C-alpha atoms as a PDB file:
ATOM      1  CA  MET A   1      -4.215   4.715  34.761  1.00  0.00           C
ATOM      2  CA  MET A   2      -1.469   7.350  34.781  1.00  0.00           C
ATOM      3  CA  SER A   3      -0.570   9.255  31.647  1.00  0.00           C
ATOM      4  CA  VAL A   4       2.926   9.063  30.202  1.00  0.00           C
ATOM      5  CA  HIS A   5       3.428  12.694  31.210  1.00  0.00           C
ATOM      6  CA  ALA A   6       2.478  11.898  34.822  1.00  0.00           C
ATOM      7  CA  ILE A   7       4.864   8.942  34.871  1.00  0.00           C
ATOM      8  CA  LYS A   8       7.714  11.051  33.466  1.00  0.00           C
ATOM      9  CA  THR A   9       7.066  13.709  36.092  1.00  0.00           C
ATOM     10  CA  ALA A  10       6.990  11.118  38.874  1.00  0.00           C
ATOM     11  CA  VAL A  11      10.275   9.568  37.687  1.00  0.00           C
ATOM     12  CA  GLN A  12      11.929  12.993  37.557  1.00  0.00           C
ATOM     13  CA  ARG A  13      10.943  13.570  41.185  1.00  0.00           C
ATOM     14  CA  LEU A  14      12.524  10.346  42.453  1.00  0.00           C
ATOM     15  CA  ALA A  15      15.649  10.514  44.565  1.00  0.00           C
ATOM     16  CA  PRO A  16      18.757   9.156  42.792  1.00  0.00           C
ATOM     17  CA  GLN A  17      18.618   5.817  44.663  1.00  0.00           C
ATOM     18  CA  GLU A  18      14.907   5.400  43.921  1.00  0.00           C
ATOM     19  CA  ARG A  19      15.542   6.232  40.269  1.00  0.00           C
ATOM     20  CA  ALA A  20      18.271   3.571  40.167  1.00  0.00           C
ATOM     21  CA  GLU A  21      15.841   1.039  41.672  1.00  0.00           C
ATOM     22  CA  PHE A  22      13.176   2.047  39.160  1.00  0.00           C
ATOM     23  CA  ARG A  23      15.656   1.773  36.279  1.00  0.00           C
ATOM     24  CA  ALA A  24      16.689  -1.728  37.331  1.00  0.00           C
ATOM     25  CA  TRP A  25      13.063  -2.786  37.662  1.00  0.00           C
ATOM     26  CA  PHE A  26      12.099  -1.282  34.301  1.00  0.00           C
ATOM     27  CA  GLU A  27      15.046  -2.871  32.485  1.00  0.00           C
ATOM     28  CA  ALA A  28      14.034  -6.296  33.857  1.00  0.00           C
ATOM     29  CA  PHE A  29      10.387  -5.639  32.990  1.00  0.00           C
ATOM     30  CA  ASP A  30      11.271  -4.544  29.455  1.00  0.00           C
ATOM     31  CA  ALA A  31      13.588  -7.523  28.924  1.00  0.00           C
ATOM     32  CA  GLN A  32      10.891  -9.939  30.096  1.00  0.00           C
ATOM     33  CA  GLU A  33       8.366  -8.402  27.676  1.00  0.00           C
ATOM     34  CA  TRP A  34      10.876  -8.632  24.823  1.00  0.00           C
ATOM     35  CA  ASP A  35      11.675 -12.259  25.693  1.00  0.00           C
ATOM     36  CA  GLN A  36       7.948 -13.065  25.714  1.00  0.00           C
ATOM     37  CA  GLN A  37       7.440 -11.401  22.323  1.00  0.00           C
ATOM     38  CA  MET A  38      10.346 -13.383  20.881  1.00  0.00           C
ATOM     39  CA  ALA A  39       8.941 -16.614  22.335  1.00  0.00           C
ATOM     40  CA  ASP A  40       5.512 -15.801  20.866  1.00  0.00           C
ATOM     41  CA  ASP A  41       7.059 -15.014  17.471  1.00  0.00           C
ATOM     42  CA  VAL A  42       9.050 -18.257  17.464  1.00  0.00           C
ATOM     43  CA  ALA A  43       5.977 -20.242  18.495  1.00  0.00           C
ATOM     44  CA  THR A  44       3.928 -18.819  15.625  1.00  0.00           C
ATOM     45  CA  GLY A  45       6.810 -18.530  13.172  1.00  0.00           C
ATOM     46  CA  SER A  46       5.655 -15.006  12.380  1.00  0.00           C
ATOM     47  CA  GLN A  47       9.010 -13.245  12.620  1.00  0.00           C
ATOM     48  CA  VAL A  48      11.497 -16.086  12.421  1.00  0.00           C
ATOM     49  CA  ASP A  49      10.973 -16.733   8.710  1.00  0.00           C
ATOM     50  CA  SER A  50      11.210 -13.073   7.733  1.00  0.00           C
ATOM     51  CA  CYS A  51      14.322 -12.576   9.877  1.00  0.00           C
ATOM     52  CA  ALA A  52      15.951 -15.657   8.394  1.00  0.00           C
ATOM     53  CA  ALA A  53      15.057 -14.540   4.886  1.00  0.00           C
ATOM     54  CA  GLY A  54      16.433 -11.070   5.532  1.00  0.00           C
ATOM     55  CA  GLY A  55      19.635 -12.484   6.936  1.00  0.00           C
ATOM     56  CA  ALA A  56      20.066 -14.807   3.974  1.00  0.00           C
ATOM     57  CA  ALA A  57      19.443 -11.969   1.531  1.00  0.00           C
ATOM     58  CA  ALA A  58      21.996  -9.764   3.296  1.00  0.00           C
ATOM     59  CA  THR A  59      24.567 -12.552   3.304  1.00  0.00           C
ATOM     60  CA  ARG A  60      23.926 -13.270  -0.369  1.00  0.00           C
ATOM     61  CA  SER A  61      24.212  -9.585  -1.328  1.00  0.00           C
ATOM     62  CA  SER A  62      27.454  -9.262   0.620  1.00  0.00           C
ATOM     63  CA  GLY A  63      29.058 -11.802  -1.704  1.00  0.00           C
ATOM     64  CA  LEU A  64      29.783 -14.294   1.065  1.00  0.00           C
ATOM     65  CA  ILE A  65      27.588 -16.889  -0.627  1.00  0.00           C
ATOM     66  CA  ARG A  66      26.129 -17.282  -4.073  1.00  0.00           C
ATOM     67  CA  PRO A  67      22.642 -18.517  -4.935  1.00  0.00           C
END
């Protein structure tokens, strides 16, 4: 496996068009990983409840609603 330093060096050596292709690929890769993490969190309920609670607390503290 390549180190992060080796990957950074390799990316810096890419021609502009290759770097654009890499960027597009990495953005899609990163988005897919994020989507999968969100789907996993929703499936287990691990983050949904805390996000909902945080959002409700913020809304309540803003004065938009009262308990």
